[in-house]
Amino acid sequence: YVADASVFPSASGVNPMITNMAIADMISRGIGK
């Protein structure tokens, strides 16, 4: 898996920290399940 800002489909348009974390939150919860 990849879980960082490199998976963004395009530019986030805002400072990427929160978007990055939210996507990682989703990915990791799926991995845990």
PDB file of all heavy atoms in Angstrom:
ATOM      1  N   TYR A   1       0.845  -1.198   0.000  1.00  0.00           N
ATOM      2  CA  TYR A   1       0.000   0.000   0.000  1.00  0.00           C
ATOM      3  C   TYR A   1       0.884   1.253   0.000  1.00  0.00           C
ATOM      4  O   TYR A   1       2.037   1.227   0.429  1.00  0.00           O
ATOM      5  CB  TYR A   1      -0.889   0.029   1.247  1.00  0.00           C
ATOM      6  CG  TYR A   1      -1.857  -1.127   1.339  1.00  0.00           C
ATOM      7  CD1 TYR A   1      -1.440  -2.366   1.821  1.00  0.00           C
ATOM      8  CD2 TYR A   1      -3.185  -0.988   0.944  1.00  0.00           C
ATOM      9  CE1 TYR A   1      -2.322  -3.443   1.907  1.00  0.00           C
ATOM     10  CE2 TYR A   1      -4.075  -2.053   1.028  1.00  0.00           C
ATOM     11  CZ  TYR A   1      -3.638  -3.272   1.506  1.00  0.00           C
ATOM     12  OH  TYR A   1      -4.504  -4.331   1.578  1.00  0.00           O
ATOM     13  N   VAL A   2       0.284   2.344  -0.460  1.00  0.00           N
ATOM     14  CA  VAL A   2       0.904   3.659  -0.321  1.00  0.00           C
ATOM     15  C   VAL A   2      -0.082   4.536   0.428  1.00  0.00           C
ATOM     16  O   VAL A   2      -1.275   4.561   0.108  1.00  0.00           O
ATOM     17  CB  VAL A   2       1.258   4.291  -1.680  1.00  0.00           C
ATOM     18  CG1 VAL A   2       1.877   5.669  -1.474  1.00  0.00           C
ATOM     19  CG2 VAL A   2       2.200   3.394  -2.465  1.00  0.00           C
ATOM     20  N   ALA A   3       0.387   5.242   1.449  1.00  0.00           N
ATOM     21  CA  ALA A   3      -0.475   6.114   2.248  1.00  0.00           C
ATOM     22  C   ALA A   3       0.269   7.403   2.566  1.00  0.00           C
ATOM     23  O   ALA A   3       0.883   7.547   3.621  1.00  0.00           O
ATOM     24  CB  ALA A   3      -0.913   5.409   3.531  1.00  0.00           C
ATOM     25  N   ASP A   4       0.276   8.304   1.621  1.00  0.00           N
ATOM     26  CA  ASP A   4       0.851   9.635   1.814  1.00  0.00           C
ATOM     27  C   ASP A   4       0.301  10.537   0.718  1.00  0.00           C
ATOM     28  O   ASP A   4      -0.587  10.130  -0.047  1.00  0.00           O
ATOM     29  CB  ASP A   4       2.389   9.588   1.803  1.00  0.00           C
ATOM     30  CG  ASP A   4       2.971   8.972   0.530  1.00  0.00           C
ATOM     31  OD1 ASP A   4       2.329   9.062  -0.534  1.00  0.00           O
ATOM     32  OD2 ASP A   4       4.074   8.390   0.608  1.00  0.00           O
ATOM     33  N   ALA A   5       0.817  11.748   0.606  1.00  0.00           N
ATOM     34  CA  ALA A   5       0.267  12.698  -0.368  1.00  0.00           C
ATOM     35  C   ALA A   5       0.543  12.295  -1.807  1.00  0.00           C
ATOM     36  O   ALA A   5      -0.047  12.865  -2.725  1.00  0.00           O
ATOM     37  CB  ALA A   5       0.817  14.096  -0.104  1.00  0.00           C
ATOM     38  N   SER A   6       1.398  11.301  -2.021  1.00  0.00           N
ATOM     39  CA  SER A   6       1.652  10.862  -3.401  1.00  0.00           C
ATOM     40  C   SER A   6       0.448  10.183  -4.019  1.00  0.00           C
ATOM     41  O   SER A   6       0.385  10.027  -5.235  1.00  0.00           O
ATOM     42  CB  SER A   6       2.872   9.925  -3.455  1.00  0.00           C
ATOM     43  OG  SER A   6       2.584   8.643  -2.936  1.00  0.00           O
ATOM     44  N   VAL A   7      -0.558   9.770  -3.227  1.00  0.00           N
ATOM     45  CA  VAL A   7      -1.739   9.114  -3.792  1.00  0.00           C
ATOM     46  C   VAL A   7      -2.811  10.116  -4.187  1.00  0.00           C
ATOM     47  O   VAL A   7      -3.848   9.712  -4.748  1.00  0.00           O
ATOM     48  CB  VAL A   7      -2.341   8.060  -2.830  1.00  0.00           C
ATOM     49  CG1 VAL A   7      -1.284   7.058  -2.405  1.00  0.00           C
ATOM     50  CG2 VAL A   7      -3.011   8.697  -1.624  1.00  0.00           C
ATOM     51  N   PHE A   8      -2.617  11.411  -3.930  1.00  0.00           N
ATOM     52  CA  PHE A   8      -3.631  12.391  -4.319  1.00  0.00           C
ATOM     53  C   PHE A   8      -3.908  12.274  -5.823  1.00  0.00           C
ATOM     54  O   PHE A   8      -2.963  12.244  -6.627  1.00  0.00           O
ATOM     55  CB  PHE A   8      -3.166  13.814  -4.029  1.00  0.00           C
ATOM     56  CG  PHE A   8      -3.127  14.207  -2.570  1.00  0.00           C
ATOM     57  CD1 PHE A   8      -3.258  13.265  -1.558  1.00  0.00           C
ATOM     58  CD2 PHE A   8      -2.953  15.535  -2.217  1.00  0.00           C
ATOM     59  CE1 PHE A   8      -3.209  13.632  -0.218  1.00  0.00           C
ATOM     60  CE2 PHE A   8      -2.901  15.923  -0.890  1.00  0.00           C
ATOM     61  CZ  PHE A   8      -3.033  14.966   0.119  1.00  0.00           C
ATOM     62  N   PRO A   9      -5.176  12.257  -6.225  1.00  0.00           N
ATOM     63  CA  PRO A   9      -5.497  12.184  -7.663  1.00  0.00           C
ATOM     64  C   PRO A   9      -5.059  13.424  -8.439  1.00  0.00           C
ATOM     65  O   PRO A   9      -4.814  13.360  -9.643  1.00  0.00           O
ATOM     66  CB  PRO A   9      -7.022  12.042  -7.671  1.00  0.00           C
ATOM     67  CG  PRO A   9      -7.360  11.493  -6.327  1.00  0.00           C
ATOM     68  CD  PRO A   9      -6.371  12.117  -5.385  1.00  0.00           C
ATOM     69  N   SER A  10      -4.986  14.560  -7.769  1.00  0.00           N
ATOM     70  CA  SER A  10      -4.475  15.805  -8.354  1.00  0.00           C
ATOM     71  C   SER A  10      -4.111  16.698  -7.178  1.00  0.00           C
ATOM     72  O   SER A  10      -4.134  16.259  -6.023  1.00  0.00           O
ATOM     73  CB  SER A  10      -5.527  16.462  -9.266  1.00  0.00           C
ATOM     74  OG  SER A  10      -6.691  16.826  -8.539  1.00  0.00           O
ATOM     75  N   ALA A  11      -3.782  17.951  -7.446  1.00  0.00           N
ATOM     76  CA  ALA A  11      -3.390  18.853  -6.366  1.00  0.00           C
ATOM     77  C   ALA A  11      -4.562  19.088  -5.418  1.00  0.00           C
ATOM     78  O   ALA A  11      -5.707  19.238  -5.844  1.00  0.00           O
ATOM     79  CB  ALA A  11      -2.899  20.175  -6.939  1.00  0.00           C
ATOM     80  N   SER A  12      -4.269  19.145  -4.128  1.00  0.00           N
ATOM     81  CA  SER A  12      -5.324  19.297  -3.122  1.00  0.00           C
ATOM     82  C   SER A  12      -5.881  20.712  -3.054  1.00  0.00           C
ATOM     83  O   SER A  12      -7.001  20.919  -2.600  1.00  0.00           O
ATOM     84  CB  SER A  12      -4.794  18.899  -1.740  1.00  0.00           C
ATOM     85  OG  SER A  12      -3.722  19.738  -1.354  1.00  0.00           O
ATOM     86  N   GLY A  13      -5.094  21.699  -3.473  1.00  0.00           N
ATOM     87  CA  GLY A  13      -5.570  23.080  -3.432  1.00  0.00           C
ATOM     88  C   GLY A  13      -5.466  23.725  -2.068  1.00  0.00           C
ATOM     89  O   GLY A  13      -5.651  24.929  -1.937  1.00  0.00           O
ATOM     90  N   VAL A  14      -5.204  22.941  -1.034  1.00  0.00           N
ATOM     91  CA  VAL A  14      -4.948  23.451   0.315  1.00  0.00           C
ATOM     92  C   VAL A  14      -3.699  22.763   0.845  1.00  0.00           C
ATOM     93  O   VAL A  14      -3.266  21.746   0.293  1.00  0.00           O
ATOM     94  CB  VAL A  14      -6.133  23.182   1.274  1.00  0.00           C
ATOM     95  CG1 VAL A  14      -7.346  24.009   0.907  1.00  0.00           C
ATOM     96  CG2 VAL A  14      -6.478  21.693   1.316  1.00  0.00           C
ATOM     97  N   ASN A  15      -3.143  23.302   1.922  1.00  0.00           N
ATOM     98  CA  ASN A  15      -1.997  22.648   2.553  1.00  0.00           C
ATOM     99  C   ASN A  15      -2.352  21.173   2.747  1.00  0.00           C
ATOM    100  O   ASN A  15      -3.388  20.851   3.319  1.00  0.00           O
ATOM    101  CB  ASN A  15      -1.697  23.315   3.888  1.00  0.00           C
ATOM    102  CG  ASN A  15      -1.531  24.816   3.736  1.00  0.00           C
ATOM    103  OD1 ASN A  15      -2.479  25.515   3.410  1.00  0.00           O
ATOM    104  ND2 ASN A  15      -0.341  25.312   3.950  1.00  0.00           N
ATOM    105  N   PRO A  16      -1.523  20.251   2.274  1.00  0.00           N
ATOM    106  CA  PRO A  16      -1.967  18.857   2.119  1.00  0.00           C
ATOM    107  C   PRO A  16      -2.049  18.029   3.388  1.00  0.00           C
ATOM    108  O   PRO A  16      -2.506  16.886   3.337  1.00  0.00           O
ATOM    109  CB  PRO A  16      -0.925  18.268   1.158  1.00  0.00           C
ATOM    110  CG  PRO A  16       0.283  19.125   1.306  1.00  0.00           C
ATOM    111  CD  PRO A  16      -0.219  20.501   1.630  1.00  0.00           C
ATOM    112  N   MET A  17      -1.635  18.553   4.554  1.00  0.00           N
ATOM    113  CA  MET A  17      -1.554  17.714   5.753  1.00  0.00           C
ATOM    114  C   MET A  17      -2.874  17.028   6.088  1.00  0.00           C
ATOM    115  O   MET A  17      -2.923  15.808   6.287  1.00  0.00           O
ATOM    116  CB  MET A  17      -1.097  18.543   6.952  1.00  0.00           C
ATOM    117  CG  MET A  17      -1.095  17.756   8.263  1.00  0.00           C
ATOM    118  SD  MET A  17      -0.418  18.673   9.663  1.00  0.00           S
ATOM    119  CE  MET A  17      -1.592  20.014   9.827  1.00  0.00           C
ATOM    120  N   ILE A  18      -3.964  17.775   6.179  1.00  0.00           N
ATOM    121  CA  ILE A  18      -5.233  17.202   6.630  1.00  0.00           C
ATOM    122  C   ILE A  18      -5.768  16.205   5.606  1.00  0.00           C
ATOM    123  O   ILE A  18      -6.246  15.115   5.965  1.00  0.00           O
ATOM    124  CB  ILE A  18      -6.256  18.315   6.916  1.00  0.00           C
ATOM    125  CG1 ILE A  18      -5.747  19.235   8.030  1.00  0.00           C
ATOM    126  CG2 ILE A  18      -7.611  17.713   7.293  1.00  0.00           C
ATOM    127  CD1 ILE A  18      -5.452  18.544   9.339  1.00  0.00           C
ATOM    128  N   THR A  19      -5.689  16.534   4.322  1.00  0.00           N
ATOM    129  CA  THR A  19      -6.126  15.610   3.278  1.00  0.00           C
ATOM    130  C   THR A  19      -5.303  14.330   3.320  1.00  0.00           C
ATOM    131  O   THR A  19      -5.832  13.217   3.217  1.00  0.00           O
ATOM    132  CB  THR A  19      -5.994  16.272   1.894  1.00  0.00           C
ATOM    133  OG1 THR A  19      -6.717  17.494   1.886  1.00  0.00           O
ATOM    134  CG2 THR A  19      -6.535  15.367   0.800  1.00  0.00           C
ATOM    135  N   ASN A  20      -4.000  14.477   3.484  1.00  0.00           N
ATOM    136  CA  ASN A  20      -3.085  13.341   3.582  1.00  0.00           C
ATOM    137  C   ASN A  20      -3.485  12.431   4.745  1.00  0.00           C
ATOM    138  O   ASN A  20      -3.620  11.206   4.604  1.00  0.00           O
ATOM    139  CB  ASN A  20      -1.661  13.888   3.764  1.00  0.00           C
ATOM    140  CG  ASN A  20      -0.590  12.819   3.827  1.00  0.00           C
ATOM    141  OD1 ASN A  20      -0.853  11.626   3.783  1.00  0.00           O
ATOM    142  ND2 ASN A  20       0.650  13.250   3.947  1.00  0.00           N
ATOM    143  N   MET A  21      -3.678  13.022   5.905  1.00  0.00           N
ATOM    144  CA  MET A  21      -4.019  12.244   7.092  1.00  0.00           C
ATOM    145  C   MET A  21      -5.367  11.549   6.947  1.00  0.00           C
ATOM    146  O   MET A  21      -5.539  10.398   7.374  1.00  0.00           O
ATOM    147  CB  MET A  21      -4.014  13.151   8.324  1.00  0.00           C
ATOM    148  CG  MET A  21      -2.630  13.584   8.770  1.00  0.00           C
ATOM    149  SD  MET A  21      -2.715  14.650  10.236  1.00  0.00           S
ATOM    150  CE  MET A  21      -1.029  14.502  10.845  1.00  0.00           C
ATOM    151  N   ALA A  22      -6.341  12.257   6.376  1.00  0.00           N
ATOM    152  CA  ALA A  22      -7.672  11.667   6.220  1.00  0.00           C
ATOM    153  C   ALA A  22      -7.638  10.463   5.284  1.00  0.00           C
ATOM    154  O   ALA A  22      -8.282   9.437   5.540  1.00  0.00           O
ATOM    155  CB  ALA A  22      -8.651  12.718   5.708  1.00  0.00           C
ATOM    156  N   ILE A  23      -6.886  10.563   4.189  1.00  0.00           N
ATOM    157  CA  ILE A  23      -6.761   9.432   3.269  1.00  0.00           C
ATOM    158  C   ILE A  23      -6.031   8.279   3.942  1.00  0.00           C
ATOM    159  O   ILE A  23      -6.415   7.108   3.803  1.00  0.00           O
ATOM    160  CB  ILE A  23      -6.050   9.870   1.976  1.00  0.00           C
ATOM    161  CG1 ILE A  23      -6.932  10.860   1.195  1.00  0.00           C
ATOM    162  CG2 ILE A  23      -5.713   8.663   1.101  1.00  0.00           C
ATOM    163  CD1 ILE A  23      -6.272  11.448  -0.024  1.00  0.00           C
ATOM    164  N   ALA A  24      -4.975   8.591   4.700  1.00  0.00           N
ATOM    165  CA  ALA A  24      -4.251   7.544   5.430  1.00  0.00           C
ATOM    166  C   ALA A  24      -5.143   6.892   6.474  1.00  0.00           C
ATOM    167  O   ALA A  24      -5.048   5.679   6.726  1.00  0.00           O
ATOM    168  CB  ALA A  24      -3.005   8.138   6.091  1.00  0.00           C
ATOM    169  N   ASP A  25      -6.015   7.681   7.077  1.00  0.00           N
ATOM    170  CA  ASP A  25      -6.968   7.139   8.041  1.00  0.00           C
ATOM    171  C   ASP A  25      -7.862   6.102   7.366  1.00  0.00           C
ATOM    172  O   ASP A  25      -8.076   5.003   7.890  1.00  0.00           O
ATOM    173  CB  ASP A  25      -7.807   8.284   8.615  1.00  0.00           C
ATOM    174  CG  ASP A  25      -8.765   7.835   9.706  1.00  0.00           C
ATOM    175  OD1 ASP A  25      -8.292   7.443  10.782  1.00  0.00           O
ATOM    176  OD2 ASP A  25      -9.991   7.872   9.472  1.00  0.00           O
ATOM    177  N   MET A  26      -8.367   6.436   6.196  1.00  0.00           N
ATOM    178  CA  MET A  26      -9.212   5.510   5.449  1.00  0.00           C
ATOM    179  C   MET A  26      -8.447   4.254   5.032  1.00  0.00           C
ATOM    180  O   MET A  26      -8.905   3.125   5.239  1.00  0.00           O
ATOM    181  CB  MET A  26      -9.779   6.213   4.210  1.00  0.00           C
ATOM    182  CG  MET A  26     -10.616   5.331   3.293  1.00  0.00           C
ATOM    183  SD  MET A  26      -9.665   4.474   1.977  1.00  0.00           S
ATOM    184  CE  MET A  26      -9.225   5.846   0.910  1.00  0.00           C
ATOM    185  N   ILE A  27      -7.263   4.432   4.467  1.00  0.00           N
ATOM    186  CA  ILE A  27      -6.485   3.286   3.980  1.00  0.00           C
ATOM    187  C   ILE A  27      -6.114   2.354   5.125  1.00  0.00           C
ATOM    188  O   ILE A  27      -6.259   1.135   5.031  1.00  0.00           O
ATOM    189  CB  ILE A  27      -5.219   3.788   3.245  1.00  0.00           C
ATOM    190  CG1 ILE A  27      -5.612   4.461   1.923  1.00  0.00           C
ATOM    191  CG2 ILE A  27      -4.253   2.627   2.978  1.00  0.00           C
ATOM    192  CD1 ILE A  27      -4.449   5.153   1.217  1.00  0.00           C
ATOM    193  N   SER A  28      -5.647   2.915   6.233  1.00  0.00           N
ATOM    194  CA  SER A  28      -5.188   2.070   7.341  1.00  0.00           C
ATOM    195  C   SER A  28      -6.339   1.339   8.013  1.00  0.00           C
ATOM    196  O   SER A  28      -6.172   0.188   8.466  1.00  0.00           O
ATOM    197  CB  SER A  28      -4.419   2.911   8.365  1.00  0.00           C
ATOM    198  OG  SER A  28      -5.207   3.962   8.876  1.00  0.00           O
ATOM    199  N   ARG A  29      -7.490   1.951   8.085  1.00  0.00           N
ATOM    200  CA  ARG A  29      -8.640   1.252   8.663  1.00  0.00           C
ATOM    201  C   ARG A  29      -9.040   0.068   7.783  1.00  0.00           C
ATOM    202  O   ARG A  29      -9.438  -0.995   8.290  1.00  0.00           O
ATOM    203  CB  ARG A  29      -9.802   2.218   8.870  1.00  0.00           C
ATOM    204  CG  ARG A  29      -9.553   3.198  10.003  1.00  0.00           C
ATOM    205  CD  ARG A  29     -10.647   4.237  10.181  1.00  0.00           C
ATOM    206  NE  ARG A  29     -10.234   5.187  11.197  1.00  0.00           N
ATOM    207  CZ  ARG A  29     -10.397   4.995  12.513  1.00  0.00           C
ATOM    208  NH1 ARG A  29     -10.976   3.893  12.957  1.00  0.00           N
ATOM    209  NH2 ARG A  29      -9.982   5.907  13.375  1.00  0.00           N
ATOM    210  N   GLY A  30      -8.909   0.239   6.471  1.00  0.00           N
ATOM    211  CA  GLY A  30      -9.173  -0.880   5.570  1.00  0.00           C
ATOM    212  C   GLY A  30      -8.165  -2.003   5.733  1.00  0.00           C
ATOM    213  O   GLY A  30      -8.519  -3.196   5.728  1.00  0.00           O
ATOM    214  N   ILE A  31      -6.887  -1.638   5.894  1.00  0.00           N
ATOM    215  CA  ILE A  31      -5.843  -2.650   6.104  1.00  0.00           C
ATOM    216  C   ILE A  31      -6.080  -3.392   7.415  1.00  0.00           C
ATOM    217  O   ILE A  31      -5.941  -4.622   7.493  1.00  0.00           O
ATOM    218  CB  ILE A  31      -4.450  -1.986   6.100  1.00  0.00           C
ATOM    219  CG1 ILE A  31      -4.143  -1.387   4.728  1.00  0.00           C
ATOM    220  CG2 ILE A  31      -3.366  -2.994   6.485  1.00  0.00           C
ATOM    221  CD1 ILE A  31      -2.896  -0.518   4.702  1.00  0.00           C
ATOM    222  N   GLY A  32      -6.429  -2.653   8.455  1.00  0.00           N
ATOM    223  CA  GLY A  32      -6.685  -3.278   9.744  1.00  0.00           C
ATOM    224  C   GLY A  32      -7.820  -4.277   9.681  1.00  0.00           C
ATOM    225  O   GLY A  32      -7.735  -5.373  10.265  1.00  0.00           O
ATOM    226  N   LYS A  33      -8.873  -3.926   8.963  1.00  0.00           N
ATOM    227  CA  LYS A  33     -10.003  -4.848   8.821  1.00  0.00           C
ATOM    228  C   LYS A  33      -9.578  -6.100   8.068  1.00  0.00           C
ATOM    229  O   LYS A  33      -9.945  -7.223   8.424  1.00  0.00           O
ATOM    230  CB  LYS A  33     -11.154  -4.153   8.100  1.00  0.00           C
ATOM    231  CG  LYS A  33     -12.426  -4.988   7.987  1.00  0.00           C
ATOM    232  CD  LYS A  33     -13.541  -4.206   7.319  1.00  0.00           C
ATOM    233  CE  LYS A  33     -14.839  -5.021   7.314  1.00  0.00           C
ATOM    234  NZ  LYS A  33     -14.710  -6.327   6.677  1.00  0.00           N
TER     235      LYS A  33
END
